[in-house]
Protein backbone atom coordinates (compact mmCIF):
# COMPACT_ATOMS: atom_id res chain seq x y z
CA PHE A 1 63.28 -39.73 75.62
CA ALA A 2 59.85 -41.09 74.84
CA ASN A 3 60.03 -39.76 71.29
CA ASN A 4 63.54 -41.02 70.85
CA LEU A 5 62.20 -44.48 71.74
CA LEU A 6 59.11 -44.18 69.54
CA LEU A 7 60.66 -43.20 66.30
CA PRO A 8 63.06 -46.15 65.84
CA LEU A 9 60.44 -48.52 67.20
CA TRP A 10 58.00 -47.33 64.55
CA LEU A 11 60.58 -47.45 61.78
CA GLN A 12 61.51 -51.04 62.58
CA ARG A 13 58.10 -52.39 63.50
CA GLU A 14 55.98 -50.91 60.78
CA LEU A 15 58.16 -49.40 57.97
CA GLY A 16 60.64 -52.26 57.55
CA TYR A 17 63.83 -50.44 58.60
CA THR A 18 66.65 -52.55 60.00
CA ALA A 19 68.10 -51.76 63.45
CA THR A 20 71.11 -50.19 61.69
CA TRP A 21 69.11 -47.89 59.41
CA ALA A 22 66.78 -46.88 62.28
CA GLY A 23 69.91 -46.05 64.31
CA LEU A 24 71.17 -43.97 61.44
CA VAL A 25 67.96 -41.97 61.38
CA VAL A 26 68.32 -41.18 65.08
CA ALA A 27 72.12 -40.59 64.99
CA PRO A 28 72.03 -36.90 63.81
CA SER A 29 70.47 -35.93 67.08
CA GLY A 30 73.45 -37.03 69.09
CA ILE A 31 75.97 -35.81 66.48
CA VAL A 32 74.62 -32.33 66.33
CA ALA A 33 74.35 -32.21 70.10
CA VAL A 34 78.01 -33.20 70.58
CA LEU A 35 79.22 -30.67 67.94
CA LEU A 36 77.18 -27.78 69.44
CA THR A 37 77.76 -28.40 73.16
CA PRO A 38 81.16 -26.68 73.40
CA PHE A 39 79.73 -23.52 71.79
CA ILE A 40 76.61 -23.63 74.04
CA THR A 41 78.80 -24.03 77.12
CA ARG A 42 80.75 -20.80 76.22
CA ALA A 43 77.59 -18.94 75.50
CA SER A 44 75.85 -20.06 78.65
CA GLY A 45 77.81 -17.67 80.87
CA ARG A 46 76.62 -14.66 78.82
CA ILE A 47 72.98 -15.61 78.15
CA GLU A 48 70.16 -15.85 80.63
CA PRO A 49 69.56 -19.64 81.19
CA ARG A 50 65.81 -19.16 80.86
CA TRP A 51 66.24 -17.81 77.40
CA LEU A 52 68.41 -20.77 76.49
CA ALA A 53 65.75 -23.18 77.89
CA THR A 54 63.11 -21.28 75.81
CA VAL A 55 65.12 -21.76 72.64
CA ALA A 56 65.52 -25.45 73.53
CA PHE A 57 61.80 -26.00 74.01
CA VAL A 58 61.03 -24.13 70.83
CA ALA A 59 63.45 -26.38 68.94
CA PHE A 60 61.98 -29.42 70.53
CA GLY A 61 58.47 -28.31 69.50
CA ILE A 62 59.55 -27.64 65.93
CA SER A 63 61.26 -31.05 65.76
CA PHE A 64 58.12 -32.84 66.98
CA PHE A 65 55.93 -30.72 64.61
CA MET A 66 58.12 -31.81 61.68
CA ARG A 67 57.71 -35.36 62.67
CA ALA A 68 53.94 -34.97 62.84
CA ARG A 69 53.98 -34.24 59.16
CA LEU A 70 55.65 -37.55 58.18
CA SER A 71 53.99 -40.33 56.32
CA ALA A 72 54.62 -44.08 55.73
CA GLU A 73 56.21 -43.15 52.35
CA THR A 74 58.65 -40.55 53.80
CA ASP A 75 62.29 -41.08 52.75
CA PHE A 76 65.36 -41.40 55.04
CA TRP A 77 66.42 -37.75 54.96
CA HIS A 78 62.98 -36.42 55.86
CA PHE A 79 63.09 -38.68 58.95
CA ALA A 80 66.65 -37.49 59.79
CA VAL A 81 66.21 -33.75 59.48
CA PRO A 82 63.85 -33.40 62.48
CA MET A 83 66.48 -35.36 64.51
CA MET A 84 69.03 -32.72 63.61
CA VAL A 85 66.74 -30.02 64.95
CA GLN A 86 66.30 -32.12 68.09
CA GLY A 87 70.10 -32.25 68.39
CA VAL A 88 70.15 -28.51 68.52
CA ALA A 89 67.43 -28.61 71.25
CA THR A 90 69.22 -31.23 73.26
CA SER A 91 72.60 -29.42 73.33
CA ILE A 92 70.90 -26.28 74.68
CA PHE A 93 68.40 -28.03 77.00
CA LEU A 94 70.90 -29.89 79.07
CA MET A 95 73.09 -26.92 79.87
CA ALA A 96 70.17 -24.54 80.49
CA MET A 97 68.20 -26.90 82.73
CA LEU A 98 71.20 -27.87 84.77
CA THR A 99 71.96 -24.20 85.30
CA ILE A 100 68.49 -23.35 86.35
CA SER A 101 68.10 -26.27 88.66
CA LEU A 102 71.58 -26.22 90.26
CA GLY A 103 72.78 -22.65 89.86
CA GLU A 104 72.09 -21.65 93.45
CA ILE A 105 73.19 -24.87 95.13
CA PRO A 106 76.15 -24.41 97.61
CA PRO A 107 79.29 -26.31 96.54
CA GLU A 108 79.12 -28.61 99.54
CA LYS A 109 75.64 -29.77 98.55
CA MET A 110 76.37 -30.13 94.84
CA PRO A 111 77.02 -33.90 94.85
CA MET A 112 73.71 -34.53 96.60
CA ALA A 113 71.84 -32.20 94.31
CA THR A 114 73.29 -33.68 91.13
CA GLY A 115 72.50 -37.18 92.38
CA ILE A 116 68.89 -36.22 93.01
CA SER A 117 68.64 -34.49 89.64
CA ASN A 118 70.04 -37.53 87.77
CA PHE A 119 67.67 -39.90 89.73
CA VAL A 120 64.62 -37.90 88.86
CA ARG A 121 65.67 -37.63 85.22
CA ILE A 122 66.40 -41.40 84.86
CA THR A 123 63.12 -42.35 86.73
CA ALA A 124 61.09 -40.06 84.47
CA SER A 125 62.71 -41.67 81.41
CA SER A 126 61.66 -45.03 82.60
CA PHE A 127 58.07 -43.97 83.02
CA ALA A 128 58.21 -42.29 79.65
CA ALA A 129 59.19 -45.56 77.98
CA SER A 130 56.17 -47.35 79.49
CA LEU A 131 53.70 -44.53 78.92
CA ILE A 132 54.69 -43.88 75.24
CA THR A 133 54.38 -47.45 74.13
CA THR A 134 51.09 -47.99 75.96
CA ALA A 135 49.65 -44.74 74.50
CA TRP A 136 50.92 -45.71 71.06
CA ASP A 137 49.27 -49.10 71.04
CA ARG A 138 45.97 -47.68 72.33
CA ARG A 139 45.92 -44.98 69.73
CA GLU A 140 46.65 -47.55 67.04
CA ALA A 141 43.74 -49.65 68.21
CA LEU A 142 41.46 -46.55 68.11
CA HIS A 143 42.55 -45.61 64.56
CA GLN A 144 42.36 -49.19 63.35
CA SER A 145 38.80 -49.51 64.57
CA ARG A 146 37.94 -46.16 62.82
CA LEU A 147 39.54 -47.35 59.57
CA ALA A 148 37.83 -50.77 59.80
CA GLU A 149 34.49 -48.94 59.91
CA ALA A 150 35.05 -47.94 56.30
CA VAL A 151 35.49 -51.54 55.17
CA THR A 152 32.14 -52.76 54.02
CA ALA A 153 30.61 -55.04 51.35
CA PHE A 154 29.27 -52.03 49.51
CA PRO A 155 31.22 -50.50 46.51
CA GLY A 156 33.97 -48.26 47.67
CA SER A 157 37.71 -47.98 48.17
CA PHE A 158 37.97 -51.40 49.78
CA GLY A 159 36.29 -53.01 46.85
CA GLN A 160 38.48 -51.14 44.41
CA ALA A 161 41.63 -52.21 46.31
CA SER A 162 40.53 -55.82 46.36
CA ASP A 163 39.76 -55.77 42.61
CA ARG A 164 43.23 -54.32 41.89
CA LEU A 165 44.89 -56.99 44.03
CA ASN A 166 42.86 -59.69 42.39
CA GLY A 167 44.11 -58.34 39.04
CA LEU A 168 47.66 -58.77 40.29
CA GLY A 169 47.05 -62.45 41.01
CA PHE A 170 46.00 -62.20 44.71
CA SER A 171 43.29 -64.47 45.98
CA ASP A 172 40.40 -63.01 47.89
CA HIS A 173 41.92 -64.14 51.24
CA ALA A 174 45.37 -62.79 50.24
CA ALA A 175 43.87 -59.45 49.14
CA ALA A 176 42.01 -59.12 52.42
CA ALA A 177 45.19 -59.90 54.39
CA ALA A 178 47.18 -57.37 52.36
CA THR A 179 44.49 -54.74 53.00
CA ALA A 180 44.45 -55.50 56.68
CA HIS A 181 48.19 -55.21 56.86
CA GLU A 182 48.09 -51.80 55.20
CA MET A 183 45.33 -50.71 57.57
CA VAL A 184 47.40 -51.59 60.62
CA LYS A 185 50.40 -49.74 59.10
CA GLN A 186 48.27 -46.58 58.56
CA ALA A 187 46.83 -46.88 62.14
CA TYR A 188 50.24 -46.86 63.63
CA LEU A 189 51.22 -43.89 61.43
CA LEU A 190 48.17 -42.02 62.77
CA ALA A 191 49.00 -42.98 66.28
CA SER A 192 52.65 -41.77 65.90
CA ILE A 193 51.35 -38.47 64.43
CA ASP A 194 49.06 -38.02 67.48
CA ILE A 195 51.92 -38.49 69.87
CA PHE A 196 54.21 -36.15 67.95
CA TRP A 197 51.51 -33.46 67.93
CA VAL A 198 50.98 -33.80 71.65
CA SER A 199 54.76 -33.77 72.26
CA SER A 200 55.03 -30.56 70.27
CA LEU A 201 52.29 -28.80 72.17
CA ILE A 202 53.82 -29.94 75.55
CA SER A 203 57.24 -28.57 74.51
CA PHE A 204 55.72 -25.15 73.78
CA ALA A 205 53.69 -25.28 77.00
CA MET A 206 56.85 -26.01 79.08
CA ILE A 207 58.18 -22.51 78.09
CA ILE A 208 55.73 -21.04 80.65
CA LEU A 209 57.15 -23.17 83.45
CA VAL A 210 60.66 -22.07 82.51
CA TRP A 211 59.79 -18.42 83.10
CA LEU A 212 58.19 -19.28 86.50
CA ALA A 213 61.65 -20.21 87.70
CA ARG A 214 63.86 -17.62 89.38
CA ARG A 215 66.69 -16.16 87.41
CA SER A 216 69.78 -18.28 87.97
CA ALA A 217 73.40 -17.56 87.42
CA ALA A 218 75.91 -20.18 86.21
CA PRO A 219 76.95 -22.65 88.89
CA ALA A 220 80.17 -21.92 90.77
CA VAL A 221 81.50 -25.38 90.21
CA PRO A 222 81.41 -27.67 87.17
CA ILE A 223 78.44 -29.93 86.96
CA ALA A 224 78.94 -33.56 86.01
CA ALA A 225 76.00 -35.22 84.28
CA ASP A 226 75.94 -38.81 83.12
């Protein structure tokens, strides 16, 4: 959820995407998940849920790893492809984790168990939204300070960039402002890459926790998830 929030926020805030185009970048995740869910549901009765969860976390990790290799000049399709991989992960993840967590719950306790499960998931998503935006801004401030350290009065890349902008008709102040804007843009890129890398590592680490769970059969009654 945190990464689903971060990507369109980054696209709109720093890369100039409209809300519509940012939504189109994220849309493949939901479309792929909807298309694959019926097939995953049929397969879940024949495949160990922990294996399904393992595949889901591997797919999540690959998706985040692919996003960690993006740049500010990446085109639309290279943003959308990792979301397709995440759609595969999402379709498998929901079924596998519900089976693992609710597979041994007696039918009479299923409404209470599903309510608690949904409550925890929604609460965690709320915390994720706050944590991811805070971490993103703090990492951006760190990277911006590191980039600013390279801006000096001595000859170097900053001076060359200023000279080129002056040659295009920019005043000294306008050239400095354009350079500062680009520096902030690159700082947010580096902050996003940091978060995608960490998310990828967390996804692979979660596989260990999956195999600490007991083997669980498919639940005896259908599970309704919002």
